[in-house]
Amino acid sequence: MNTDAIKLAQSELNRLFNANIKVDGIAGKNTKIALHKVTVLPTDWNTDRKLVGVIQYVATMEGIDAGAIDGKWGPQTESAYTELSY
């Protein structure tokens, strides 16, 4: 996962869950803690998969087709990420 995608996920964690984490593109301790607030994501997913899941979740909430919220980066997630980034 690239740093820009992590930054997008971090920004959304701050916006939706009042996470108050630094948007730096590094999935550090505070980002991992904030990911636990996203109850729609399975707890057994690793950090990268949860970050992708956040992007998919946000896209879905914004009416953007990101496919299933499965934590896997595929063509639909890529398209949704691009749309969210603008």
C-alpha atoms as a PDB file:
ATOM      1  CA  MET A   1       0.000   0.000   0.000  1.00  0.00           C
ATOM      2  CA  ASN A   2       1.453   3.357  -0.987  1.00  0.00           C
ATOM      3  CA  THR A   3       1.866   6.271   1.400  1.00  0.00           C
ATOM      4  CA  ASP A   4      -0.797   8.375  -0.339  1.00  0.00           C
ATOM      5  CA  ALA A   5      -3.385   5.634   0.169  1.00  0.00           C
ATOM      6  CA  ILE A   6      -2.378   5.352   3.828  1.00  0.00           C
ATOM      7  CA  LYS A   7      -2.725   9.142   4.162  1.00  0.00           C
ATOM      8  CA  LEU A   8      -6.219   8.975   2.684  1.00  0.00           C
ATOM      9  CA  ALA A   9      -7.183   6.236   5.134  1.00  0.00           C
ATOM     10  CA  GLN A  10      -5.673   8.204   8.032  1.00  0.00           C
ATOM     11  CA  SER A  11      -7.574  11.351   7.017  1.00  0.00           C
ATOM     12  CA  GLU A  12     -10.802   9.394   6.896  1.00  0.00           C
ATOM     13  CA  LEU A  13     -10.113   7.794  10.277  1.00  0.00           C
ATOM     14  CA  ASN A  14      -9.708  11.301  11.674  1.00  0.00           C
ATOM     15  CA  ARG A  15     -12.845  12.599   9.959  1.00  0.00           C
ATOM     16  CA  LEU A  16     -15.180   9.705  10.712  1.00  0.00           C
ATOM     17  CA  PHE A  17     -13.891   8.445  14.045  1.00  0.00           C
ATOM     18  CA  ASN A  18     -12.233  11.514  15.584  1.00  0.00           C
ATOM     19  CA  ALA A  19      -9.026   9.519  15.685  1.00  0.00           C
ATOM     20  CA  ASN A  20      -6.742  12.579  15.887  1.00  0.00           C
ATOM     21  CA  ILE A  21      -3.811  10.739  14.295  1.00  0.00           C
ATOM     22  CA  LYS A  22      -0.966  12.270  12.327  1.00  0.00           C
ATOM     23  CA  VAL A  23      -1.577  12.012   8.579  1.00  0.00           C
ATOM     24  CA  ASP A  24       1.909  10.945   7.572  1.00  0.00           C
ATOM     25  CA  GLY A  25       1.481   7.861   5.408  1.00  0.00           C
ATOM     26  CA  ILE A  26       3.001   5.623   8.064  1.00  0.00           C
ATOM     27  CA  ALA A  27       0.779   2.957   9.596  1.00  0.00           C
ATOM     28  CA  GLY A  28       2.195   3.321  13.082  1.00  0.00           C
ATOM     29  CA  LYS A  29       0.839   2.578  16.531  1.00  0.00           C
ATOM     30  CA  ASN A  30      -1.808   5.326  16.591  1.00  0.00           C
ATOM     31  CA  THR A  31      -3.094   4.411  13.140  1.00  0.00           C
ATOM     32  CA  LYS A  32      -3.401   0.786  14.206  1.00  0.00           C
ATOM     33  CA  ILE A  33      -5.285   1.807  17.335  1.00  0.00           C
ATOM     34  CA  ALA A  34      -7.644   3.969  15.249  1.00  0.00           C
ATOM     35  CA  LEU A  35      -8.332   1.067  12.895  1.00  0.00           C
ATOM     36  CA  HIS A  36      -9.895  -0.809  15.811  1.00  0.00           C
ATOM     37  CA  LYS A  37     -12.651   1.824  15.856  1.00  0.00           C
ATOM     38  CA  VAL A  38     -13.857   0.684  12.438  1.00  0.00           C
ATOM     39  CA  THR A  39     -16.229  -2.005  13.617  1.00  0.00           C
ATOM     40  CA  VAL A  40     -17.330  -2.967  10.096  1.00  0.00           C
ATOM     41  CA  LEU A  41     -13.886  -4.513   9.505  1.00  0.00           C
ATOM     42  CA  PRO A  42     -13.004  -7.978  10.779  1.00  0.00           C
ATOM     43  CA  THR A  43     -10.642  -7.884  13.734  1.00  0.00           C
ATOM     44  CA  ASP A  44      -8.442 -10.641  12.316  1.00  0.00           C
ATOM     45  CA  TRP A  45      -7.379  -8.598   9.259  1.00  0.00           C
ATOM     46  CA  ASN A  46      -3.796  -7.288   9.245  1.00  0.00           C
ATOM     47  CA  THR A  47      -3.102  -3.544   9.176  1.00  0.00           C
ATOM     48  CA  ASP A  48      -2.730  -3.255   5.398  1.00  0.00           C
ATOM     49  CA  ARG A  49      -5.976  -5.077   4.783  1.00  0.00           C
ATOM     50  CA  LYS A  50      -7.779  -2.862   7.305  1.00  0.00           C
ATOM     51  CA  LEU A  51      -6.414   0.273   5.624  1.00  0.00           C
ATOM     52  CA  VAL A  52      -7.745  -0.935   2.283  1.00  0.00           C
ATOM     53  CA  GLY A  53     -11.022  -1.761   4.013  1.00  0.00           C
ATOM     54  CA  VAL A  54     -11.273   1.806   5.304  1.00  0.00           C
ATOM     55  CA  ILE A  55     -10.906   3.151   1.778  1.00  0.00           C
ATOM     56  CA  GLN A  56     -13.521   0.695   0.515  1.00  0.00           C
ATOM     57  CA  TYR A  57     -15.865   1.575   3.376  1.00  0.00           C
ATOM     58  CA  VAL A  58     -15.541   5.318   2.824  1.00  0.00           C
ATOM     59  CA  ALA A  59     -16.032   4.925  -0.921  1.00  0.00           C
ATOM     60  CA  THR A  60     -19.177   2.909  -0.322  1.00  0.00           C
ATOM     61  CA  MET A  61     -20.492   5.527   2.102  1.00  0.00           C
ATOM     62  CA  GLU A  62     -19.830   8.208  -0.550  1.00  0.00           C
ATOM     63  CA  GLY A  63     -21.778   6.246  -3.175  1.00  0.00           C
ATOM     64  CA  ILE A  64     -18.652   5.130  -5.046  1.00  0.00           C
ATOM     65  CA  ASP A  65     -18.519   1.511  -6.190  1.00  0.00           C
ATOM     66  CA  ALA A  66     -15.449   0.008  -4.537  1.00  0.00           C
ATOM     67  CA  GLY A  67     -16.729  -3.546  -4.802  1.00  0.00           C
ATOM     68  CA  ALA A  68     -17.000  -5.674  -1.702  1.00  0.00           C
ATOM     69  CA  ILE A  69     -15.443  -4.433   1.519  1.00  0.00           C
ATOM     70  CA  ASP A  70     -12.923  -7.261   1.556  1.00  0.00           C
ATOM     71  CA  GLY A  71      -9.666  -5.445   2.288  1.00  0.00           C
ATOM     72  CA  LYS A  72      -8.180  -6.494  -1.037  1.00  0.00           C
ATOM     73  CA  TRP A  73      -6.824  -3.931  -3.484  1.00  0.00           C
ATOM     74  CA  GLY A  74      -8.258  -4.678  -6.907  1.00  0.00           C
ATOM     75  CA  PRO A  75      -9.401  -2.657  -9.918  1.00  0.00           C
ATOM     76  CA  GLN A  76     -12.609  -1.417  -8.265  1.00  0.00           C
ATOM     77  CA  THR A  77     -10.740  -0.294  -5.158  1.00  0.00           C
ATOM     78  CA  GLU A  78      -8.130   1.427  -7.338  1.00  0.00           C
ATOM     79  CA  SER A  79     -10.875   3.266  -9.195  1.00  0.00           C
ATOM     80  CA  ALA A  80     -12.635   4.232  -5.962  1.00  0.00           C
ATOM     81  CA  TYR A  81      -9.342   5.423  -4.452  1.00  0.00           C
ATOM     82  CA  THR A  82      -8.714   7.601  -7.498  1.00  0.00           C
ATOM     83  CA  GLU A  83     -12.177   9.092  -7.244  1.00  0.00           C
ATOM     84  CA  LEU A  84     -11.826   9.727  -3.501  1.00  0.00           C
ATOM     85  CA  SER A  85      -8.445  11.367  -4.027  1.00  0.00           C
ATOM     86  CA  TYR A  86      -9.943  14.209  -6.081  1.00  0.00           C
END
